[in-house]
Protein backbone atom coordinates (compact mmCIF):
# COMPACT_ATOMS: atom_id res chain seq x y z
CA MET A 1 122.40 -79.72 -98.91
CA TYR A 2 120.18 -78.23 -101.54
CA VAL A 3 116.60 -78.42 -100.25
CA LEU A 4 113.61 -77.64 -102.46
CA LEU A 5 110.51 -76.56 -100.57
CA VAL A 6 107.26 -77.47 -102.32
CA ALA A 7 104.21 -75.73 -100.90
CA SER A 8 100.69 -74.69 -101.74
CA ALA A 9 101.52 -71.19 -100.50
CA PHE A 10 104.52 -69.38 -99.07
CA ASN A 11 102.76 -69.24 -95.71
CA SER A 12 104.16 -68.59 -92.24
CA LEU A 13 105.42 -72.13 -91.66
CA THR A 14 107.00 -72.39 -95.11
CA GLN A 15 108.73 -69.06 -94.49
CA ARG A 16 110.03 -70.22 -91.13
CA VAL A 17 111.34 -73.50 -92.55
CA HIS A 18 112.92 -71.53 -95.40
CA ALA A 19 114.65 -69.14 -92.98
CA GLU A 20 115.83 -71.72 -90.44
CA LEU A 21 117.18 -74.17 -92.99
CA ARG A 22 119.27 -71.32 -94.39
CA ASP A 23 120.44 -70.53 -90.86
CA HIS A 24 121.61 -74.15 -90.60
CA GLY A 25 123.74 -73.81 -93.73
CA HIS A 26 121.47 -75.37 -96.35
CA ARG A 27 120.70 -73.90 -99.74
CA VAL A 28 116.96 -73.47 -100.11
CA ALA A 29 114.56 -72.69 -102.94
CA VAL A 30 110.78 -72.69 -103.16
CA GLU A 31 108.30 -73.86 -105.76
CA LEU A 32 104.55 -73.50 -105.40
CA ALA A 33 102.41 -76.48 -106.32
CA LEU A 34 100.25 -74.97 -109.07
CA PRO A 35 97.77 -76.64 -111.43
CA ASP A 36 99.46 -75.45 -114.63
CA ALA A 37 103.01 -76.33 -113.55
CA PRO A 38 103.64 -80.12 -113.48
CA LEU A 39 105.53 -80.74 -110.26
CA GLY A 40 107.67 -83.46 -111.82
CA ASP A 41 109.12 -81.08 -114.40
CA THR A 42 109.69 -78.45 -111.73
CA VAL A 43 111.56 -80.77 -109.37
CA ARG A 44 113.68 -82.22 -112.17
CA ARG A 45 114.69 -78.71 -113.19
CA HIS A 46 116.01 -78.04 -109.67
CA ARG A 47 117.62 -81.47 -109.10
CA PRO A 48 117.57 -81.01 -105.29
CA ASP A 49 119.10 -83.29 -102.73
CA LEU A 50 115.83 -83.34 -100.82
CA VAL A 51 112.24 -82.25 -101.41
CA LEU A 52 110.40 -80.94 -98.35
CA ALA A 53 106.72 -79.97 -98.21
CA PRO A 54 105.99 -77.76 -95.15
CA MET A 55 102.40 -77.03 -96.23
CA LEU A 56 100.89 -78.91 -99.14
CA ARG A 57 97.18 -79.34 -99.83
CA THR A 58 97.64 -81.74 -102.73
CA ALA A 59 99.40 -85.09 -103.05
CA ILE A 60 102.95 -85.28 -104.39
CA PRO A 61 102.73 -87.22 -107.70
CA GLU A 62 104.38 -90.61 -108.02
CA ASP A 63 106.93 -89.50 -110.61
CA VAL A 64 108.32 -87.14 -107.95
CA TRP A 65 108.29 -89.28 -104.80
CA ALA A 66 109.60 -92.31 -106.72
CA ALA A 67 112.63 -90.35 -107.95
CA TYR A 68 113.37 -88.12 -104.94
CA THR A 69 113.03 -88.46 -101.19
CA CYS A 70 110.05 -86.24 -100.42
CA LEU A 71 109.30 -85.35 -96.80
CA VAL A 72 105.89 -84.00 -95.86
CA VAL A 73 105.13 -82.02 -92.70
CA HIS A 74 101.81 -83.20 -91.28
CA PRO A 75 100.36 -81.13 -88.39
CA GLY A 76 99.27 -84.14 -86.39
CA PRO A 77 100.77 -86.99 -84.33
CA VAL A 78 101.86 -90.27 -85.85
CA GLY A 79 98.83 -92.13 -87.18
CA ASP A 80 96.69 -89.02 -87.63
CA ARG A 81 95.71 -88.58 -91.28
CA GLY A 82 93.55 -86.22 -93.23
CA PRO A 83 93.37 -82.54 -94.25
CA SER A 84 91.67 -81.16 -91.11
CA SER A 85 94.08 -82.30 -88.43
CA LEU A 86 94.28 -79.03 -86.48
CA ASP A 87 90.56 -78.34 -86.92
CA HIS A 88 89.81 -81.63 -85.19
CA ALA A 89 92.38 -80.99 -82.46
CA VAL A 90 91.02 -77.55 -81.54
CA GLN A 91 87.34 -78.32 -81.94
CA ASP A 92 87.63 -81.58 -80.00
CA GLY A 93 89.43 -79.86 -77.14
CA GLU A 94 92.70 -81.79 -77.36
CA THR A 95 95.29 -80.66 -74.81
CA ARG A 96 98.33 -82.15 -76.57
CA TRP A 97 99.04 -82.62 -80.25
CA GLY A 98 102.04 -83.16 -82.46
CA VAL A 99 103.73 -82.84 -85.84
CA THR A 100 104.98 -85.70 -87.99
CA VAL A 101 107.51 -85.51 -90.82
CA LEU A 102 106.77 -88.46 -93.07
CA GLN A 103 107.91 -89.71 -96.45
CA ALA A 104 105.51 -89.25 -99.34
CA ASN A 105 104.15 -92.38 -100.94
CA ALA A 106 100.98 -93.57 -102.66
CA GLU A 107 98.77 -93.12 -99.56
CA MET A 108 98.21 -89.64 -98.14
CA ASP A 109 99.88 -89.09 -94.72
CA ALA A 110 100.74 -92.80 -94.42
CA GLY A 111 104.44 -92.83 -95.30
CA ASP A 112 107.44 -93.82 -93.21
CA VAL A 113 108.16 -91.55 -90.24
CA TRP A 114 111.38 -89.50 -90.34
CA ALA A 115 110.71 -87.45 -87.20
CA THR A 116 107.96 -86.39 -84.85
CA ALA A 117 107.53 -83.86 -82.05
CA ASP A 118 104.66 -83.20 -79.69
CA CYS A 119 103.37 -79.95 -78.20
CA PRO A 120 100.66 -78.55 -75.91
CA VAL A 121 97.41 -77.15 -77.30
CA PRO A 122 96.54 -73.95 -75.39
CA PRO A 123 93.04 -72.42 -75.67
CA VAL A 124 93.83 -70.21 -78.68
CA GLY A 125 92.70 -70.01 -82.28
CA LYS A 126 93.88 -72.54 -84.84
CA SER A 127 95.99 -70.01 -86.74
CA ASP A 128 97.68 -68.78 -83.54
CA LEU A 129 98.37 -72.40 -82.56
CA TYR A 130 99.73 -73.11 -86.05
CA ARG A 131 102.17 -70.20 -85.92
CA GLY A 132 103.14 -70.96 -82.32
CA GLU A 133 103.27 -74.42 -80.77
CA ILE A 134 102.72 -76.30 -84.05
CA ALA A 135 105.42 -74.32 -85.87
CA ASP A 136 107.87 -74.91 -83.00
CA ALA A 137 107.19 -78.65 -83.09
CA ALA A 138 107.38 -78.67 -86.89
CA LEU A 139 110.82 -77.03 -86.89
CA GLU A 140 112.07 -79.45 -84.26
CA ALA A 141 110.89 -82.37 -86.37
CA VAL A 142 112.04 -80.90 -89.70
CA LEU A 143 115.57 -80.18 -88.51
CA LEU A 144 115.87 -83.67 -87.05
CA ALA A 145 114.51 -85.25 -90.25
CA VAL A 146 116.90 -83.25 -92.45
CA GLU A 147 119.82 -84.20 -90.20
CA ARG A 148 118.82 -87.86 -90.39
CA PHE A 149 118.51 -87.69 -94.18
CA ALA A 150 121.90 -86.00 -94.51
CA SER A 151 123.53 -88.76 -92.47
CA GLY A 152 122.65 -91.30 -95.13
CA THR A 153 122.29 -94.01 -92.49
CA TYR A 154 118.85 -93.46 -90.99
CA VAL A 155 116.09 -95.91 -91.92
CA PRO A 156 112.66 -94.42 -91.19
CA PRO A 157 110.21 -96.82 -89.54
CA PRO A 158 106.85 -97.46 -91.21
CA GLN A 159 103.63 -96.19 -89.70
CA THR A 160 101.46 -98.78 -88.03
CA GLY A 161 97.80 -98.30 -87.30
CA GLY A 162 96.33 -94.86 -87.51
CA ARG A 163 93.20 -93.58 -89.20
CA ALA A 164 92.26 -91.14 -91.91
CA ARG A 165 89.77 -88.63 -90.52
CA PRO A 166 87.33 -86.81 -92.80
CA PRO A 167 87.55 -83.07 -93.50
CA VAL A 168 85.67 -80.83 -91.07
CA ARG A 169 82.68 -79.44 -92.97
CA GLN A 170 80.41 -76.52 -92.17
CA GLU A 171 77.77 -78.89 -90.81
CA ASP A 172 80.34 -80.05 -88.26
CA ARG A 173 80.98 -76.44 -87.27
CA ARG A 174 77.35 -75.39 -86.91
CA ILE A 175 76.58 -73.46 -83.72
CA ASP A 176 73.22 -73.91 -82.01
CA TRP A 177 73.15 -70.63 -80.12
CA ALA A 178 70.11 -71.66 -78.07
CA ALA A 179 71.74 -74.85 -76.79
CA ASP A 180 75.54 -74.53 -77.09
CA GLY A 181 77.48 -73.23 -74.11
CA THR A 182 80.40 -70.86 -74.32
CA GLU A 183 83.02 -73.63 -74.20
CA ARG A 184 81.75 -75.37 -77.34
CA VAL A 185 81.12 -72.10 -79.16
CA LEU A 186 84.69 -70.99 -78.50
CA ARG A 187 86.14 -74.32 -79.66
CA VAL A 188 84.16 -74.15 -82.91
CA LEU A 189 85.08 -70.52 -83.57
CA ARG A 190 88.73 -71.07 -82.74
CA ALA A 191 88.95 -74.14 -84.96
CA ALA A 192 87.97 -72.02 -87.97
CA ASP A 193 89.28 -68.60 -86.95
CA SER A 194 91.33 -67.84 -90.05
CA GLN A 195 89.91 -70.28 -92.58
CA PRO A 196 87.21 -71.08 -93.43
CA GLY A 197 85.22 -69.36 -90.67
CA VAL A 198 81.92 -70.61 -89.23
CA ARG A 199 78.91 -70.05 -91.46
CA ASP A 200 75.99 -68.53 -89.55
CA HIS A 201 72.95 -66.28 -89.91
CA LEU A 202 73.11 -62.89 -88.26
CA LEU A 203 70.90 -59.81 -88.52
CA GLY A 204 69.08 -61.08 -91.58
CA ALA A 205 72.09 -62.22 -93.60
CA ASP A 206 74.56 -65.10 -93.87
CA TRP A 207 78.12 -64.53 -92.64
CA TYR A 208 81.28 -66.42 -91.85
CA LEU A 209 82.35 -65.78 -88.25
CA HIS A 210 86.08 -65.47 -87.58
CA GLY A 211 87.69 -65.67 -84.16
CA GLY A 212 86.24 -65.92 -80.68
CA HIS A 213 87.01 -64.61 -77.19
CA ARG A 214 85.24 -65.20 -73.90
CA GLU A 215 83.13 -62.46 -72.30
CA ASP A 216 82.91 -62.72 -68.52
CA GLY A 217 80.17 -60.25 -67.65
CA LEU A 218 77.54 -59.64 -70.34
CA ARG A 219 74.52 -61.93 -70.61
CA GLY A 220 71.46 -62.03 -72.84
CA ARG A 221 69.06 -64.12 -74.89
CA PRO A 222 71.11 -66.85 -76.66
CA GLY A 223 72.14 -65.73 -80.14
CA GLU A 224 71.42 -62.07 -79.41
CA LEU A 225 74.01 -59.38 -80.09
CA LEU A 226 74.75 -57.56 -76.85
CA ALA A 227 77.38 -54.89 -77.51
CA THR A 228 80.35 -53.80 -79.59
CA ARG A 229 83.92 -53.08 -78.65
CA ALA A 230 87.02 -52.39 -80.75
CA GLY A 231 85.27 -53.44 -83.96
CA ALA A 232 84.03 -56.75 -82.50
CA VAL A 233 80.49 -57.80 -81.60
CA CYS A 234 79.49 -59.62 -78.42
CA ARG A 235 76.97 -62.44 -78.88
CA ALA A 236 75.15 -64.36 -76.17
CA THR A 237 75.58 -68.13 -75.84
CA ALA A 238 73.38 -70.54 -73.88
CA ASP A 239 75.35 -69.82 -70.69
CA GLY A 240 77.42 -66.69 -71.36
CA ALA A 241 78.74 -64.68 -74.27
CA VAL A 242 81.61 -64.45 -76.74
CA TRP A 243 83.30 -61.66 -78.67
CA ILE A 244 83.55 -62.16 -82.45
CA PRO A 245 86.16 -59.84 -83.99
CA GLU A 246 85.64 -60.41 -87.72
CA LEU A 247 82.99 -61.37 -90.25
CA ARG A 248 83.17 -62.31 -93.91
CA ALA A 249 80.34 -62.18 -96.41
CA PRO A 250 79.83 -65.35 -98.47
CA ARG A 251 81.21 -65.34 -101.99
CA LEU A 252 78.50 -64.62 -104.58
CA PRO A 253 78.32 -66.83 -107.71
CA GLY A 254 80.82 -65.68 -110.28
CA ARG A 255 82.29 -63.09 -107.90
CA PRO A 256 85.68 -63.04 -106.14
CA ALA A 257 86.21 -64.05 -102.52
CA THR A 258 85.29 -61.43 -99.96
CA PRO A 259 87.68 -60.11 -97.29
CA ARG A 260 87.45 -60.63 -93.55
CA LEU A 261 86.50 -57.34 -91.95
CA PRO A 262 86.06 -56.01 -88.42
CA ALA A 263 82.59 -57.18 -87.44
CA THR A 264 81.14 -53.70 -86.91
CA LEU A 265 82.42 -52.58 -90.32
CA ALA A 266 80.94 -55.63 -92.03
CA LEU A 267 77.54 -55.22 -90.34
CA ALA A 268 77.56 -51.42 -90.74
CA ASP A 269 74.03 -50.01 -90.56
CA ARG A 270 72.56 -53.37 -89.49
CA LEU A 271 73.84 -52.59 -85.97
CA ASP A 272 70.87 -50.52 -84.94
CA ARG A 273 71.19 -49.09 -81.42
CA LEU A 274 73.69 -51.73 -80.25
CA PRO A 275 75.62 -50.17 -77.37
CA PRO A 276 79.36 -49.61 -77.95
CA LEU A 277 81.40 -50.42 -74.87
CA PRO A 278 84.43 -48.23 -74.12
CA GLU A 279 87.94 -49.56 -74.00
CA LEU A 280 88.49 -51.31 -70.69
CA PRO A 281 90.00 -49.17 -67.93
CA ALA A 282 93.59 -49.97 -67.06
CA PRO A 283 94.56 -48.85 -63.56
CA PRO A 284 98.28 -49.19 -62.79
CA ASP A 285 97.66 -52.11 -60.44
CA ALA A 286 95.40 -54.03 -62.85
CA GLY A 287 98.02 -56.74 -63.42
CA PRO A 288 98.86 -58.49 -66.68
CA TYR A 289 95.46 -60.08 -67.30
CA ARG A 290 92.20 -58.34 -68.06
CA PRO A 291 88.77 -59.61 -66.94
CA ALA A 292 87.22 -59.36 -70.42
CA TRP A 293 88.46 -59.22 -73.99
CA SER A 294 89.90 -56.19 -75.73
CA ASP A 295 92.49 -55.94 -78.50
CA ILE A 296 94.54 -53.29 -76.65
CA GLY A 297 95.61 -53.47 -73.02
CA TYR A 298 97.94 -51.75 -70.60
CA HIS A 299 99.42 -52.69 -67.27
CA GLU A 300 102.44 -51.81 -65.15
CA GLU A 301 105.01 -53.70 -63.16
CA GLY A 302 107.17 -51.39 -61.10
CA GLN A 303 108.79 -48.83 -63.39
CA THR A 304 107.78 -50.67 -66.57
CA GLY A 305 104.63 -50.13 -68.63
CA PHE A 306 103.31 -52.81 -70.99
CA LEU A 307 101.13 -51.72 -73.91
CA THR A 308 99.81 -54.90 -75.49
CA PHE A 309 97.82 -55.23 -78.69
CA SER A 310 96.60 -58.05 -80.88
CA PHE A 311 94.84 -57.43 -84.18
CA PRO A 312 93.53 -60.33 -86.31
CA GLY A 313 96.10 -61.38 -88.88
CA GLY A 314 98.40 -58.61 -87.72
CA ALA A 315 96.59 -56.15 -90.00
CA MET A 316 96.21 -52.60 -88.69
CA SER A 317 93.42 -50.48 -90.16
CA THR A 318 93.21 -46.72 -89.83
CA ALA A 319 90.99 -47.19 -86.78
CA HIS A 320 93.38 -49.72 -85.22
CA CYS A 321 96.31 -47.34 -85.65
CA ARG A 322 94.47 -44.38 -84.19
CA ARG A 323 93.25 -46.32 -81.17
CA LEU A 324 96.71 -47.72 -80.54
CA LEU A 325 98.21 -44.25 -80.88
CA ASP A 326 95.75 -42.91 -78.30
CA ALA A 327 96.69 -45.75 -75.96
CA TYR A 328 100.41 -45.13 -76.58
CA ARG A 329 100.08 -41.43 -75.75
CA THR A 330 98.19 -42.31 -72.58
CA ALA A 331 100.89 -44.82 -71.61
CA CYS A 332 103.51 -42.11 -72.09
CA THR A 333 101.82 -40.01 -69.39
CA ARG A 334 102.59 -42.69 -66.82
CA PRO A 335 105.74 -42.37 -64.62
CA THR A 336 107.62 -45.34 -66.11
CA THR A 337 111.20 -45.62 -67.30
CA VAL A 338 110.63 -48.45 -69.80
CA LEU A 339 107.61 -48.93 -72.07
CA VAL A 340 107.11 -52.28 -73.81
CA LEU A 341 105.13 -52.25 -77.03
CA GLY A 342 103.61 -55.62 -77.95
CA GLY A 343 104.63 -58.64 -75.93
CA GLY A 344 101.78 -60.93 -77.02
CA ARG A 345 102.15 -64.43 -78.41
CA ASP A 346 100.97 -64.02 -82.00
CA PHE A 347 101.50 -61.48 -84.80
CA PHE A 348 103.15 -58.22 -83.84
CA SER A 349 101.98 -56.37 -86.95
CA ASN A 350 101.86 -56.80 -90.71
CA GLY A 351 101.19 -53.14 -91.49
CA ILE A 352 98.20 -51.56 -93.22
CA HIS A 353 94.90 -53.46 -93.43
CA LEU A 354 94.53 -54.53 -97.06
CA GLY A 355 91.10 -56.07 -96.43
CA VAL A 356 89.59 -52.86 -95.07
CA ILE A 357 91.23 -50.95 -97.91
CA GLU A 358 89.82 -53.31 -100.53
CA ALA A 359 86.32 -53.03 -99.06
CA ALA A 360 86.41 -49.22 -98.92
CA ALA A 361 84.35 -47.09 -101.29
CA ASP A 362 87.61 -45.46 -102.38
CA PRO A 363 90.58 -47.81 -101.80
CA ALA A 364 93.11 -45.12 -102.76
CA GLU A 365 91.80 -42.70 -100.13
CA GLU A 366 91.64 -45.44 -97.50
CA SER A 367 95.19 -46.52 -98.36
CA TRP A 368 96.32 -42.93 -97.87
CA ALA A 369 94.48 -42.58 -94.56
CA ASN A 370 95.84 -45.92 -93.32
CA ILE A 371 99.48 -45.21 -94.15
CA ASN A 372 99.28 -41.77 -92.53
CA ALA A 373 97.79 -43.32 -89.39
CA MET A 374 100.63 -45.86 -89.31
CA ASP A 375 103.14 -43.05 -89.75
CA ASP A 376 101.59 -41.09 -86.89
CA LEU A 377 102.01 -44.10 -84.61
CA VAL A 378 105.61 -44.74 -85.66
CA GLU A 379 106.45 -41.05 -85.27
CA ALA A 380 105.13 -41.12 -81.70
CA VAL A 381 107.44 -44.02 -80.87
CA LEU A 382 110.45 -42.42 -82.56
CA THR A 383 109.97 -39.13 -80.71
CA THR A 384 109.56 -40.67 -77.25
CA THR A 385 112.72 -39.44 -75.54
CA ASP A 386 111.83 -39.57 -71.84
CA ARG A 387 111.97 -43.37 -71.46
CA LEU A 388 113.26 -46.45 -73.27
CA VAL A 389 110.82 -48.16 -75.63
CA VAL A 390 111.06 -51.89 -76.34
CA SER A 391 109.26 -53.65 -79.18
CA ALA A 392 108.51 -57.20 -78.04
CA LEU A 393 107.67 -59.55 -80.89
CA GLY A 394 106.13 -62.82 -79.78
CA GLY A 395 104.96 -63.40 -83.36
CA ASN A 396 105.82 -62.48 -86.91
CA ALA A 397 106.09 -58.96 -88.33
CA ALA A 398 106.16 -57.75 -91.91
CA ALA A 399 106.24 -54.59 -94.02
CA GLY A 400 105.08 -51.57 -92.00
CA GLY A 401 104.65 -53.76 -88.94
CA ALA A 402 108.34 -54.65 -89.03
CA MET A 403 109.19 -50.96 -89.37
CA LEU A 404 106.94 -50.13 -86.41
CA ALA A 405 109.05 -52.53 -84.36
CA LEU A 406 112.27 -50.87 -85.52
CA ALA A 407 111.09 -47.50 -84.24
CA ALA A 408 111.76 -48.67 -80.67
CA ASP A 409 115.09 -48.44 -78.86
CA GLU A 410 115.35 -52.20 -78.53
CA VAL A 411 113.71 -55.02 -80.49
CA TRP A 412 113.15 -58.34 -78.73
CA CYS A 413 111.93 -61.37 -80.66
CA ARG A 414 110.82 -64.80 -79.62
CA SER A 415 113.19 -67.30 -81.20
CA GLY A 416 110.50 -68.58 -83.57
CA VAL A 417 109.64 -65.19 -85.10
CA VAL A 418 109.93 -64.55 -88.84
CA LEU A 419 110.53 -61.01 -90.12
CA ASN A 420 109.77 -59.69 -93.59
CA PRO A 421 111.23 -56.14 -93.58
CA HIS A 422 110.14 -55.18 -97.08
CA TYR A 423 107.19 -53.88 -99.14
CA ARG A 424 108.14 -54.76 -102.71
CA LEU A 425 105.88 -57.80 -103.09
CA MET A 426 102.83 -55.56 -102.66
CA GLY A 427 104.13 -53.08 -105.21
CA LEU A 428 104.87 -50.43 -102.59
CA TYR A 429 107.86 -48.27 -101.76
CA GLY A 430 106.86 -48.20 -98.10
CA SER A 431 106.69 -45.57 -95.39
CA GLU A 432 106.66 -45.76 -91.56
CA TYR A 433 110.01 -43.91 -91.61
CA TRP A 434 111.81 -47.01 -92.88
CA THR A 435 114.33 -44.87 -94.77
CA TYR A 436 115.45 -43.62 -91.34
CA THR A 437 115.12 -46.66 -89.08
CA LEU A 438 116.34 -49.48 -91.32
CA PRO A 439 119.63 -47.90 -92.51
CA ARG A 440 120.20 -46.67 -88.94
CA ARG A 441 120.29 -50.31 -87.82
CA VAL A 442 121.99 -52.14 -90.68
CA GLY A 443 123.49 -49.49 -92.96
CA PRO A 444 122.16 -48.28 -96.33
CA ALA A 445 123.59 -51.08 -98.49
CA LEU A 446 122.11 -53.88 -96.41
CA ALA A 447 118.85 -51.98 -96.01
CA ASP A 448 118.61 -51.83 -99.80
CA ARG A 449 119.35 -55.52 -100.15
CA LEU A 450 116.84 -56.60 -97.52
CA THR A 451 114.06 -54.58 -99.12
CA THR A 452 114.82 -55.69 -102.69
CA GLU A 453 115.54 -59.39 -102.04
CA ALA A 454 112.25 -59.62 -100.13
CA LEU A 455 113.14 -62.86 -98.35
CA PRO A 456 112.05 -63.84 -94.83
CA LEU A 457 114.48 -63.71 -91.93
CA GLY A 458 114.45 -65.85 -88.82
CA ALA A 459 115.05 -64.21 -85.46
CA ALA A 460 118.62 -65.50 -85.17
CA ALA A 461 119.60 -64.13 -88.59
CA ALA A 462 117.86 -60.85 -87.83
CA GLN A 463 119.92 -60.52 -84.63
CA ARG A 464 123.15 -61.22 -86.50
CA LEU A 465 122.29 -58.50 -89.01
CA GLY A 466 121.41 -55.98 -86.31
CA LEU A 467 117.66 -55.81 -86.86
CA VAL A 468 117.00 -57.47 -83.51
CA ASP A 469 118.73 -56.80 -80.19
CA ARG A 470 117.61 -59.87 -78.25
CA THR A 471 116.12 -63.25 -79.08
CA VAL A 472 114.10 -64.94 -76.37
CA PRO A 473 114.21 -68.77 -76.62
CA CYS A 474 110.88 -69.79 -75.17
CA ALA A 475 107.53 -71.30 -76.09
CA ALA A 476 104.89 -68.99 -77.55
CA GLY A 477 102.82 -69.05 -74.38
CA ASP A 478 105.80 -68.12 -72.21
CA PHE A 479 106.81 -65.03 -74.16
CA PRO A 480 104.61 -62.52 -72.26
CA ARG A 481 106.02 -63.69 -68.92
CA GLU A 482 109.61 -63.71 -70.20
CA THR A 483 109.17 -60.24 -71.67
CA GLN A 484 107.86 -58.93 -68.39
CA ARG A 485 110.79 -60.40 -66.46
CA LEU A 486 113.38 -58.95 -68.84
CA ALA A 487 111.72 -55.53 -69.08
CA VAL A 488 111.42 -55.14 -65.30
CA ARG A 489 115.10 -55.99 -65.01
CA LEU A 490 115.97 -53.44 -67.73
CA ALA A 491 114.05 -50.71 -65.91
CA ALA A 492 116.00 -51.42 -62.72
CA LEU A 493 119.45 -51.15 -64.33
CA PRO A 494 121.43 -48.06 -63.27
CA ALA A 495 122.45 -47.46 -66.89
CA THR A 496 118.86 -47.05 -68.10
CA ALA A 497 118.65 -43.40 -67.07
CA SER A 498 121.89 -42.52 -68.87
CA ARG A 499 120.75 -44.45 -71.94
CA THR A 500 117.57 -42.40 -72.00
CA ALA A 501 119.53 -39.16 -71.85
CA ALA A 502 121.86 -40.35 -74.63
CA LYS A 503 118.86 -41.35 -76.72
CA LYS A 504 117.41 -37.84 -76.46
CA ALA A 505 120.70 -36.29 -77.54
CA ALA A 506 121.01 -38.71 -80.48
CA ARG A 507 117.49 -37.91 -81.65
CA GLU A 508 118.33 -34.19 -81.60
CA ARG A 509 121.47 -34.78 -83.67
CA ASP A 510 119.59 -36.90 -86.19
CA GLU A 511 116.86 -34.28 -86.42
CA ALA A 512 119.43 -31.59 -87.16
CA ARG A 513 120.99 -33.69 -89.94
CA ARG A 514 117.68 -34.61 -91.60
CA PRO A 515 114.32 -34.02 -89.92
CA LEU A 516 111.92 -36.93 -89.54
CA ALA A 517 109.42 -34.85 -91.50
CA ALA A 518 111.73 -34.98 -94.52
CA HIS A 519 111.82 -38.80 -94.42
CA ARG A 520 108.04 -38.91 -94.13
CA GLU A 521 107.49 -36.42 -96.93
CA ALA A 522 109.77 -38.28 -99.34
CA GLU A 523 108.28 -41.70 -98.53
CA LEU A 524 104.68 -40.52 -98.73
CA ALA A 525 105.23 -38.72 -102.02
CA ARG A 526 106.06 -42.08 -103.62
CA MET A 527 103.26 -43.87 -101.77
CA ARG A 528 100.70 -41.28 -102.85
CA ARG A 529 101.67 -41.65 -106.50
CA THR A 530 101.15 -45.40 -106.20
CA PHE A 531 97.89 -45.23 -104.28
CA PHE A 532 96.24 -42.78 -106.67
CA ASP A 533 97.49 -44.36 -109.89
CA PRO A 534 94.76 -46.84 -110.89
CA HIS A 535 97.24 -48.70 -113.09
CA ALA A 536 99.87 -49.17 -110.38
CA PRO A 537 100.61 -52.88 -109.67
CA TYR A 538 99.69 -52.33 -106.01
CA HIS A 539 95.98 -52.40 -106.76
CA ALA A 540 96.04 -55.73 -108.60
CA LEU A 541 98.42 -57.23 -106.03
CA ARG A 542 96.21 -56.06 -103.17
CA ARG A 543 93.08 -57.49 -104.77
CA ALA A 544 94.81 -60.81 -105.43
CA PHE A 545 96.03 -61.00 -101.83
CA VAL A 546 92.65 -60.16 -100.29
CA ARG A 547 90.75 -62.47 -102.62
CA LYS A 548 93.28 -65.26 -102.07
CA GLU A 549 93.84 -65.66 -105.79
CA ARG A 550 96.29 -68.39 -106.67
CA PRO A 551 99.37 -67.06 -108.51
CA SER A 552 100.03 -68.25 -112.04
CA ALA A 553 103.66 -69.03 -111.22
CA THR A 554 106.07 -69.13 -108.29
CA PRO A 555 107.35 -65.59 -107.61
CA PRO A 556 110.77 -65.27 -109.30
CA HIS A 557 112.52 -64.02 -106.16
CA LEU A 558 111.98 -67.46 -104.59
CA THR A 559 113.36 -69.49 -107.49
CA ARG A 560 115.55 -67.45 -109.83
CA ALA A 561 118.87 -68.20 -108.11
CA ALA A 562 118.01 -71.86 -107.63
CA ALA A 563 118.34 -72.79 -111.29
CA ASP A 564 122.14 -72.54 -111.34
CA ARG A 565 122.49 -73.72 -107.71
CA ARG A 566 124.52 -70.67 -106.63
CA GLY A 567 123.87 -69.43 -103.08
CA VAL A 568 120.15 -69.75 -103.50
CA THR A 569 119.06 -67.63 -100.56
CA GLY A 570 122.22 -66.73 -98.72
CA LEU A 571 122.00 -64.08 -96.03
CA ALA A 572 122.72 -60.53 -97.09
CA VAL A 573 125.95 -59.03 -95.81
CA PRO A 574 126.79 -55.32 -95.83
CA ASP A 575 129.96 -55.50 -97.94
CA ALA A 576 128.24 -57.59 -100.62
CA ALA A 577 125.17 -55.42 -100.98
CA PRO A 578 124.36 -53.83 -104.36
CA GLY A 579 124.27 -50.10 -104.92
CA PRO A 580 121.41 -47.75 -104.14
CA GLY A 581 117.91 -48.64 -105.20
CA SER A 582 114.43 -48.99 -103.83
CA CYS A 583 111.72 -51.53 -103.41
């Protein structure tokens, strides 16, 4: 079938639906619901078999749902209605939730039910839940609904009962630091971790707080800041303390939206004499779980080392990259035969930190520092020849983060992961040694096509194309345990030692043909020209991304092939790839 996705943004769920429907043989195009583009005209231009809305903040107009079957993905169980479904679920402490695919009609979220799926609600942030358990349930329900629609025989039952719940406002999120215990504070912070944040007053100014993690040891006067670690601040609750990784300054009248920043960077000189805590020690027998929060961790199981990291939104600033590189070098001093990089449940990495860059006094210089720090990290992985390195992606990866994953000997992905191995949409050529690692895996023609088409790939498609070596079919919360089981088994295989020796020899041959330094020099020469050209599109694209500016039109790469209904987003294949080019 020809399925048109209508969405408010091409977000993670829309990308996953896009990728998986293609994997199931459907032709797929995307149109963004924009104020200046009447949706009726847009849908009539496509003439799809089915309209599907994975993430839509506005109602589908009557002239569309009356003429086409329009299915809406609602992140709540049958009967739940309203725009703040997940906010309510997380803040209210629900332990199970669901996703409903319903037919659009005159009443928001009240249409006939085409499919539904339920899921657990672990104690994680709303955005992590949305990309994990909710996305898994959504895909289960979407694929069933599309199958039922294609059959032509299914009659969806009407909803009965239910209630429309009001939006969660800032007054509902207010934290009373003197009275609220850690459990409530965490629920409130997690329910707003990505958007909109929790408005609060801190060190003489108003801020939006983003994200929250429990602190097990520190105590203090409720509301007081106690310490810093890894860019986060620790704040006392009525009965404990929490770590807050990011802050965002309120938007000033007539000014653009402000970026989320590491809390210590946002507070800057307001943090007078607040003690910085060192990274937590990681003895070899520490086990997989740490007693207090940190964004980087290390543990061992037998002959396998696990270097975990989790940065908000998958963005890696210069400081993030340097700290992770230090941790990587330390991990490489350990007597292990396999080193796993990643292995968490959410984002692996999305590359350089555009928010920190935008907030810098000189964004060009910070861009340059950030890309060089990313390159240093990738180079360290590429030149590790005394053990096997595995990139374990429990969550999505894009741009330089996808190329960081490809630097490893093996790439393992949870089955729900979406990859975006390209830079073009940010106006960048890219670095992180992608001109070495990507063609090495898929060949130069397909590497060119992947980076110029700039379309998302599901894990299954990525494995077929050679980007991924193993997909792990499990729930988001089970990925760390599954990764550990598989990596320990890999370390115990007799062939691992010979593979390591062969890897070292291959690296030496590649270095003789074209040194890694030559790839880096060529990539960075193009990146430097872009960074330091004030008229380069990168700067406007970066600002628009950080400020969450709505585009004026759907990006052409999502719609251009849909108009004539020819292979809208078919998977790239090596023998059909165009000639040389660059993103």
